[in-house]
């Protein structure tokens, strides 16, 4: 199974302390996925290229990494194959 960088739209809450809490991911095909839980937040490089603030998230029973590139763009490490 390979992983690729896939850019997504993200709905997020921005708090007065400057923190950001992503709530929902929307794929290019229109599919929406509510983020059930944020497991970890850290600054990190991605194994598929790119870097930024990494949110380790849970959607249903699946866990994945969501990255905020801090330039208005977000991506996930999507699994293919």
PDB file of N, CA and C in Angstrom:
ATOM      1  N   UNK A   1       0.845  -1.173   0.000  1.00  0.00           N
ATOM      2  CA  UNK A   1       0.000   0.000   0.000  1.00  0.00           C
ATOM      3  C   UNK A   1       0.895   1.241   0.000  1.00  0.00           C
ATOM      4  N   UNK A   2       0.609   2.161  -0.890  1.00  0.00           N
ATOM      5  CA  UNK A   2       1.392   3.391  -0.967  1.00  0.00           C
ATOM      6  C   UNK A   2       0.579   4.554  -0.419  1.00  0.00           C
ATOM      7  N   UNK A   3       1.275   5.589  -0.040  1.00  0.00           N
ATOM      8  CA  UNK A   3       0.638   6.812   0.459  1.00  0.00           C
ATOM      9  C   UNK A   3       0.999   7.966  -0.463  1.00  0.00           C
ATOM     10  N   UNK A   4       0.041   8.872  -0.633  1.00  0.00           N
ATOM     11  CA  UNK A   4       0.260  10.066  -1.446  1.00  0.00           C
ATOM     12  C   UNK A   4      -0.305  11.287  -0.740  1.00  0.00           C
ATOM     13  N   UNK A   5       0.240  12.429  -1.080  1.00  0.00           N
ATOM     14  CA  UNK A   5      -0.257  13.694  -0.557  1.00  0.00           C
ATOM     15  C   UNK A   5      -1.522  14.060  -1.330  1.00  0.00           C
ATOM     16  N   UNK A   6      -2.612  14.266  -0.591  1.00  0.00           N
ATOM     17  CA  UNK A   6      -3.877  14.668  -1.185  1.00  0.00           C
ATOM     18  C   UNK A   6      -4.349  15.932  -0.462  1.00  0.00           C
ATOM     19  N   UNK A   7      -4.472  17.028  -1.219  1.00  0.00           N
ATOM     20  CA  UNK A   7      -4.953  18.270  -0.620  1.00  0.00           C
ATOM     21  C   UNK A   7      -6.449  18.180  -0.379  1.00  0.00           C
ATOM     22  N   UNK A   8      -6.894  18.722   0.758  1.00  0.00           N
ATOM     23  CA  UNK A   8      -8.287  18.663   1.169  1.00  0.00           C
ATOM     24  C   UNK A   8      -8.721  20.036   1.675  1.00  0.00           C
ATOM     25  N   UNK A   9     -10.039  20.248   1.679  1.00  0.00           N
ATOM     26  CA  UNK A   9     -10.621  21.427   2.328  1.00  0.00           C
ATOM     27  C   UNK A   9     -10.907  21.044   3.773  1.00  0.00           C
ATOM     28  N   UNK A  10     -10.694  21.971   4.685  1.00  0.00           N
ATOM     29  CA  UNK A  10     -10.873  21.685   6.104  1.00  0.00           C
ATOM     30  C   UNK A  10     -11.740  22.768   6.739  1.00  0.00           C
ATOM     31  N   UNK A  11     -12.734  22.340   7.502  1.00  0.00           N
ATOM     32  CA  UNK A  11     -13.495  23.256   8.359  1.00  0.00           C
ATOM     33  C   UNK A  11     -12.848  23.188   9.727  1.00  0.00           C
ATOM     34  N   UNK A  12     -12.521  24.357  10.283  1.00  0.00           N
ATOM     35  CA  UNK A  12     -11.807  24.383  11.554  1.00  0.00           C
ATOM     36  C   UNK A  12     -12.307  25.529  12.419  1.00  0.00           C
ATOM     37  N   UNK A  13     -12.126  25.381  13.724  1.00  0.00           N
ATOM     38  CA  UNK A  13     -12.416  26.440  14.689  1.00  0.00           C
ATOM     39  C   UNK A  13     -11.099  27.087  15.077  1.00  0.00           C
ATOM     40  N   UNK A  14     -11.069  28.410  15.064  1.00  0.00           N
ATOM     41  CA  UNK A  14      -9.887  29.164  15.474  1.00  0.00           C
ATOM     42  C   UNK A  14     -10.210  29.860  16.786  1.00  0.00           C
ATOM     43  N   UNK A  15      -9.420  29.578  17.794  1.00  0.00           N
ATOM     44  CA  UNK A  15      -9.659  30.104  19.139  1.00  0.00           C
ATOM     45  C   UNK A  15      -8.944  31.433  19.350  1.00  0.00           C
ATOM     46  N   UNK A  16      -9.359  32.163  20.380  1.00  0.00           N
ATOM     47  CA  UNK A  16      -8.763  33.468  20.679  1.00  0.00           C
ATOM     48  C   UNK A  16      -7.301  33.351  21.101  1.00  0.00           C
ATOM     49  N   UNK A  17      -6.886  32.173  21.567  1.00  0.00           N
ATOM     50  CA  UNK A  17      -5.483  31.980  21.950  1.00  0.00           C
ATOM     51  C   UNK A  17      -4.591  31.648  20.759  1.00  0.00           C
ATOM     52  N   UNK A  18      -5.179  31.609  19.546  1.00  0.00           N
ATOM     53  CA  UNK A  18      -4.403  31.340  18.339  1.00  0.00           C
ATOM     54  C   UNK A  18      -4.409  29.882  17.913  1.00  0.00           C
ATOM     55  N   UNK A  19      -4.977  29.020  18.729  1.00  0.00           N
ATOM     56  CA  UNK A  19      -4.997  27.599  18.379  1.00  0.00           C
ATOM     57  C   UNK A  19      -6.062  27.329  17.321  1.00  0.00           C
ATOM     58  N   UNK A  20      -5.881  26.218  16.624  1.00  0.00           N
ATOM     59  CA  UNK A  20      -6.787  25.812  15.561  1.00  0.00           C
ATOM     60  C   UNK A  20      -7.219  24.377  15.824  1.00  0.00           C
ATOM     61  N   UNK A  21      -8.512  24.106  15.628  1.00  0.00           N
ATOM     62  CA  UNK A  21      -9.039  22.764  15.845  1.00  0.00           C
ATOM     63  C   UNK A  21      -9.826  22.335  14.607  1.00  0.00           C
ATOM     64  N   UNK A  22      -9.211  21.503  13.747  1.00  0.00           N
ATOM     65  CA  UNK A  22      -9.937  21.028  12.565  1.00  0.00           C
ATOM     66  C   UNK A  22     -11.124  20.171  12.976  1.00  0.00           C
ATOM     67  N   UNK A  23     -12.265  20.348  12.264  1.00  0.00           N
ATOM     68  CA  UNK A  23     -13.490  19.633  12.604  1.00  0.00           C
ATOM     69  C   UNK A  23     -13.960  18.685  11.510  1.00  0.00           C
ATOM     70  N   UNK A  24     -13.677  19.045  10.234  1.00  0.00           N
ATOM     71  CA  UNK A  24     -14.195  18.252   9.123  1.00  0.00           C
ATOM     72  C   UNK A  24     -13.262  18.363   7.926  1.00  0.00           C
ATOM     73  N   UNK A  25     -13.119  17.249   7.183  1.00  0.00           N
ATOM     74  CA  UNK A  25     -12.328  17.200   5.956  1.00  0.00           C
ATOM     75  C   UNK A  25     -13.288  17.016   4.788  1.00  0.00           C
ATOM     76  N   UNK A  26     -13.048  17.751   3.693  1.00  0.00           N
ATOM     77  CA  UNK A  26     -13.822  17.581   2.464  1.00  0.00           C
ATOM     78  C   UNK A  26     -12.871  17.262   1.320  1.00  0.00           C
ATOM     79  N   UNK A  27     -13.114  16.143   0.650  1.00  0.00           N
ATOM     80  CA  UNK A  27     -12.302  15.735  -0.488  1.00  0.00           C
ATOM     81  C   UNK A  27     -12.774  16.440  -1.755  1.00  0.00           C
ATOM     82  N   UNK A  28     -11.961  16.390  -2.800  1.00  0.00           N
ATOM     83  CA  UNK A  28     -12.281  17.042  -4.074  1.00  0.00           C
ATOM     84  C   UNK A  28     -13.570  16.497  -4.684  1.00  0.00           C
ATOM     85  N   UNK A  29     -13.902  15.238  -4.417  1.00  0.00           N
ATOM     86  CA  UNK A  29     -15.126  14.643  -4.973  1.00  0.00           C
ATOM     87  C   UNK A  29     -16.373  15.011  -4.183  1.00  0.00           C
ATOM     88  N   UNK A  30     -16.223  15.820  -3.136  1.00  0.00           N
ATOM     89  CA  UNK A  30     -17.362  16.266  -2.333  1.00  0.00           C
ATOM     90  C   UNK A  30     -17.616  15.464  -1.079  1.00  0.00           C
ATOM     91  N   UNK A  31     -16.919  14.355  -0.894  1.00  0.00           N
ATOM     92  CA  UNK A  31     -17.093  13.543   0.315  1.00  0.00           C
ATOM     93  C   UNK A  31     -16.649  14.327   1.541  1.00  0.00           C
ATOM     94  N   UNK A  32     -17.440  14.224   2.622  1.00  0.00           N
ATOM     95  CA  UNK A  32     -17.123  14.909   3.873  1.00  0.00           C
ATOM     96  C   UNK A  32     -16.890  13.887   4.976  1.00  0.00           C
ATOM     97  N   UNK A  33     -15.910  14.167   5.821  1.00  0.00           N
ATOM     98  CA  UNK A  33     -15.586  13.280   6.934  1.00  0.00           C
ATOM     99  C   UNK A  33     -15.410  14.116   8.193  1.00  0.00           C
ATOM    100  N   UNK A  34     -16.243  13.848   9.185  1.00  0.00           N
ATOM    101  CA  UNK A  34     -16.135  14.547  10.458  1.00  0.00           C
ATOM    102  C   UNK A  34     -14.986  13.948  11.265  1.00  0.00           C
ATOM    103  N   UNK A  35     -14.159  14.802  11.826  1.00  0.00           N
ATOM    104  CA  UNK A  35     -13.045  14.356  12.658  1.00  0.00           C
ATOM    105  C   UNK A  35     -13.599  14.047  14.046  1.00  0.00           C
ATOM    106  N   UNK A  36     -13.494  12.785  14.453  1.00  0.00           N
ATOM    107  CA  UNK A  36     -14.034  12.359  15.740  1.00  0.00           C
ATOM    108  C   UNK A  36     -13.142  12.762  16.906  1.00  0.00           C
ATOM    109  N   UNK A  37     -11.817  12.703  16.671  1.00  0.00           N
ATOM    110  CA  UNK A  37     -10.898  13.014  17.773  1.00  0.00           C
ATOM    111  C   UNK A  37      -9.548  13.435  17.218  1.00  0.00           C
ATOM    112  N   UNK A  38      -8.944  14.419  17.860  1.00  0.00           N
ATOM    113  CA  UNK A  38      -7.561  14.787  17.573  1.00  0.00           C
ATOM    114  C   UNK A  38      -6.705  14.088  18.620  1.00  0.00           C
ATOM    115  N   UNK A  39      -5.818  13.221  18.162  1.00  0.00           N
ATOM    116  CA  UNK A  39      -5.022  12.391  19.071  1.00  0.00           C
ATOM    117  C   UNK A  39      -3.717  13.062  19.472  1.00  0.00           C
ATOM    118  N   UNK A  40      -3.149  13.848  18.554  1.00  0.00           N
ATOM    119  CA  UNK A  40      -1.851  14.475  18.826  1.00  0.00           C
ATOM    120  C   UNK A  40      -1.655  15.641  17.870  1.00  0.00           C
ATOM    121  N   UNK A  41      -0.960  16.677  18.341  1.00  0.00           N
ATOM    122  CA  UNK A  41      -0.613  17.824  17.503  1.00  0.00           C
ATOM    123  C   UNK A  41       0.876  18.082  17.681  1.00  0.00           C
ATOM    124  N   UNK A  42       1.607  18.153  16.556  1.00  0.00           N
ATOM    125  CA  UNK A  42       3.045  18.428  16.625  1.00  0.00           C
ATOM    126  C   UNK A  42       3.502  19.009  15.295  1.00  0.00           C
ATOM    127  N   UNK A  43       4.620  19.678  15.310  1.00  0.00           N
ATOM    128  CA  UNK A  43       5.236  20.169  14.076  1.00  0.00           C
ATOM    129  C   UNK A  43       6.069  19.021  13.523  1.00  0.00           C
ATOM    130  N   UNK A  44       5.859  18.700  12.243  1.00  0.00           N
ATOM    131  CA  UNK A  44       6.495  17.498  11.705  1.00  0.00           C
ATOM    132  C   UNK A  44       6.590  17.555  10.184  1.00  0.00           C
ATOM    133  N   UNK A  45       7.510  16.766   9.647  1.00  0.00           N
ATOM    134  CA  UNK A  45       7.596  16.546   8.204  1.00  0.00           C
ATOM    135  C   UNK A  45       6.742  15.326   7.864  1.00  0.00           C
ATOM    136  N   UNK A  46       6.174  15.335   6.675  1.00  0.00           N
ATOM    137  CA  UNK A  46       5.352  14.223   6.224  1.00  0.00           C
ATOM    138  C   UNK A  46       6.206  13.214   5.481  1.00  0.00           C
ATOM    139  N   UNK A  47       5.823  11.943   5.528  1.00  0.00           N
ATOM    140  CA  UNK A  47       6.569  10.922   4.789  1.00  0.00           C
ATOM    141  C   UNK A  47       6.236  10.956   3.294  1.00  0.00           C
ATOM    142  N   UNK A  48       5.234  11.759   2.884  1.00  0.00           N
ATOM    143  CA  UNK A  48       4.890  11.872   1.462  1.00  0.00           C
ATOM    144  C   UNK A  48       5.341  13.209   0.879  1.00  0.00           C
ATOM    145  N   UNK A  49       6.111  13.962   1.638  1.00  0.00           N
ATOM    146  CA  UNK A  49       6.609  15.257   1.191  1.00  0.00           C
ATOM    147  C   UNK A  49       5.805  16.383   1.805  1.00  0.00           C
ATOM    148  N   UNK A  50       6.472  17.411   2.207  1.00  0.00           N
ATOM    149  CA  UNK A  50       5.820  18.544   2.854  1.00  0.00           C
ATOM    150  C   UNK A  50       6.024  18.523   4.348  1.00  0.00           C
ATOM    151  N   UNK A  51       5.648  19.622   4.975  1.00  0.00           N
ATOM    152  CA  UNK A  51       5.801  19.740   6.414  1.00  0.00           C
ATOM    153  C   UNK A  51       4.824  20.776   6.938  1.00  0.00           C
ATOM    154  N   UNK A  52       4.670  20.815   8.226  1.00  0.00           N
ATOM    155  CA  UNK A  52       3.770  21.777   8.853  1.00  0.00           C
ATOM    156  C   UNK A  52       3.319  21.264  10.197  1.00  0.00           C
ATOM    157  N   UNK A  53       2.143  21.689  10.602  1.00  0.00           N
ATOM    158  CA  UNK A  53       1.571  21.219  11.858  1.00  0.00           C
ATOM    159  C   UNK A  53       0.812  19.928  11.557  1.00  0.00           C
ATOM    160  N   UNK A  54       1.234  18.859  12.210  1.00  0.00           N
ATOM    161  CA  UNK A  54       0.623  17.551  11.982  1.00  0.00           C
ATOM    162  C   UNK A  54      -0.439  17.294  13.048  1.00  0.00           C
ATOM    163  N   UNK A  55      -1.623  16.970  12.593  1.00  0.00           N
ATOM    164  CA  UNK A  55      -2.711  16.548  13.468  1.00  0.00           C
ATOM    165  C   UNK A  55      -2.912  15.064  13.247  1.00  0.00           C
ATOM    166  N   UNK A  56      -2.655  14.275  14.253  1.00  0.00           N
ATOM    167  CA  UNK A  56      -2.965  12.844  14.195  1.00  0.00           C
ATOM    168  C   UNK A  56      -4.435  12.753  14.570  1.00  0.00           C
ATOM    169  N   UNK A  57      -5.285  12.286  13.641  1.00  0.00           N
ATOM    170  CA  UNK A  57      -6.730  12.343  13.845  1.00  0.00           C
ATOM    171  C   UNK A  57      -7.372  10.965  13.710  1.00  0.00           C
ATOM    172  N   UNK A  58      -8.575  10.860  14.266  1.00  0.00           N
ATOM    173  CA  UNK A  58      -9.380   9.652  14.122  1.00  0.00           C
ATOM    174  C   UNK A  58     -10.695  10.031  13.447  1.00  0.00           C
ATOM    175  N   UNK A  59     -11.018   9.289  12.390  1.00  0.00           N
ATOM    176  CA  UNK A  59     -12.302   9.406  11.704  1.00  0.00           C
ATOM    177  C   UNK A  59     -12.909   8.014  11.735  1.00  0.00           C
ATOM    178  N   UNK A  60     -13.965   7.846  12.505  1.00  0.00           N
ATOM    179  CA  UNK A  60     -14.507   6.504  12.716  1.00  0.00           C
ATOM    180  C   UNK A  60     -13.474   5.668  13.453  1.00  0.00           C
ATOM    181  N   UNK A  61     -13.109   4.528  12.873  1.00  0.00           N
ATOM    182  CA  UNK A  61     -12.073   3.680  13.485  1.00  0.00           C
ATOM    183  C   UNK A  61     -10.719   3.857  12.825  1.00  0.00           C
ATOM    184  N   UNK A  62     -10.633   4.705  11.797  1.00  0.00           N
ATOM    185  CA  UNK A  62      -9.377   4.913  11.068  1.00  0.00           C
ATOM    186  C   UNK A  62      -8.604   6.106  11.639  1.00  0.00           C
ATOM    187  N   UNK A  63      -7.284   5.960  11.694  1.00  0.00           N
ATOM    188  CA  UNK A  63      -6.409   7.050  12.107  1.00  0.00           C
ATOM    189  C   UNK A  63      -5.552   7.467  10.918  1.00  0.00           C
ATOM    190  N   UNK A  64      -5.298   8.763  10.793  1.00  0.00           N
ATOM    191  CA  UNK A  64      -4.449   9.281   9.729  1.00  0.00           C
ATOM    192  C   UNK A  64      -3.825  10.594  10.174  1.00  0.00           C
ATOM    193  N   UNK A  65      -2.925  11.106   9.358  1.00  0.00           N
ATOM    194  CA  UNK A  65      -2.290  12.385   9.641  1.00  0.00           C
ATOM    195  C   UNK A  65      -2.865  13.451   8.720  1.00  0.00           C
ATOM    196  N   UNK A  66      -3.216  14.583   9.303  1.00  0.00           N
ATOM    197  CA  UNK A  66      -3.689  15.757   8.588  1.00  0.00           C
ATOM    198  C   UNK A  66      -2.668  16.854   8.836  1.00  0.00           C
ATOM    199  N   UNK A  67      -2.194  17.489   7.758  1.00  0.00           N
ATOM    200  CA  UNK A  67      -1.161  18.512   7.875  1.00  0.00           C
ATOM    201  C   UNK A  67      -1.685  19.883   7.493  1.00  0.00           C
ATOM    202  N   UNK A  68      -1.376  20.868   8.309  1.00  0.00           N
ATOM    203  CA  UNK A  68      -1.630  22.272   8.010  1.00  0.00           C
ATOM    204  C   UNK A  68      -0.295  22.854   7.559  1.00  0.00           C
ATOM    205  N   UNK A  69      -0.185  23.213   6.271  1.00  0.00           N
ATOM    206  CA  UNK A  69       1.068  23.751   5.747  1.00  0.00           C
ATOM    207  C   UNK A  69       1.305  25.196   6.186  1.00  0.00           C
ATOM    208  N   UNK A  70       0.356  25.767   6.900  1.00  0.00           N
ATOM    209  CA  UNK A  70       0.435  27.133   7.418  1.00  0.00           C
ATOM    210  C   UNK A  70       0.488  28.181   6.318  1.00  0.00           C
ATOM    211  N   UNK A  71      -0.032  27.827   5.152  1.00  0.00           N
ATOM    212  CA  UNK A  71      -0.138  28.776   4.040  1.00  0.00           C
ATOM    213  C   UNK A  71      -1.562  28.753   3.485  1.00  0.00           C
ATOM    214  N   UNK A  72      -2.497  28.219   4.283  1.00  0.00           N
ATOM    215  CA  UNK A  72      -3.880  28.101   3.860  1.00  0.00           C
ATOM    216  C   UNK A  72      -4.217  26.768   3.217  1.00  0.00           C
ATOM    217  N   UNK A  73      -3.232  25.888   3.074  1.00  0.00           N
ATOM    218  CA  UNK A  73      -3.461  24.577   2.446  1.00  0.00           C
ATOM    219  C   UNK A  73      -3.287  23.457   3.467  1.00  0.00           C
ATOM    220  N   UNK A  74      -4.127  22.447   3.325  1.00  0.00           N
ATOM    221  CA  UNK A  74      -4.119  21.264   4.182  1.00  0.00           C
ATOM    222  C   UNK A  74      -4.001  20.027   3.316  1.00  0.00           C
ATOM    223  N   UNK A  75      -3.346  18.974   3.811  1.00  0.00           N
ATOM    224  CA  UNK A  75      -3.303  17.707   3.096  1.00  0.00           C
ATOM    225  C   UNK A  75      -3.322  16.532   4.053  1.00  0.00           C
ATOM    226  N   UNK A  76      -3.722  15.382   3.514  1.00  0.00           N
ATOM    227  CA  UNK A  76      -3.685  14.124   4.258  1.00  0.00           C
ATOM    228  C   UNK A  76      -2.719  13.188   3.563  1.00  0.00           C
ATOM    229  N   UNK A  77      -2.219  12.214   4.306  1.00  0.00           N
ATOM    230  CA  UNK A  77      -1.410  11.140   3.747  1.00  0.00           C
ATOM    231  C   UNK A  77      -2.384  10.021   3.374  1.00  0.00           C
ATOM    232  N   UNK A  78      -2.894  10.054   2.147  1.00  0.00           N
ATOM    233  CA  UNK A  78      -3.921   9.110   1.713  1.00  0.00           C
ATOM    234  C   UNK A  78      -3.293   7.785   1.295  1.00  0.00           C
ATOM    235  N   UNK A  79      -4.002   6.697   1.592  1.00  0.00           N
ATOM    236  CA  UNK A  79      -3.541   5.352   1.236  1.00  0.00           C
ATOM    237  C   UNK A  79      -4.130   4.950  -0.108  1.00  0.00           C
ATOM    238  N   UNK A  80      -3.301   4.378  -0.972  1.00  0.00           N
ATOM    239  CA  UNK A  80      -3.725   3.879  -2.288  1.00  0.00           C
ATOM    240  C   UNK A  80      -3.189   2.471  -2.473  1.00  0.00           C
ATOM    241  N   UNK A  81      -4.000   1.632  -3.134  1.00  0.00           N
ATOM    242  CA  UNK A  81      -3.527   0.293  -3.468  1.00  0.00           C
ATOM    243  C   UNK A  81      -3.945  -0.782  -2.594  1.00  0.00           C
TER     244      UNK A  81
END
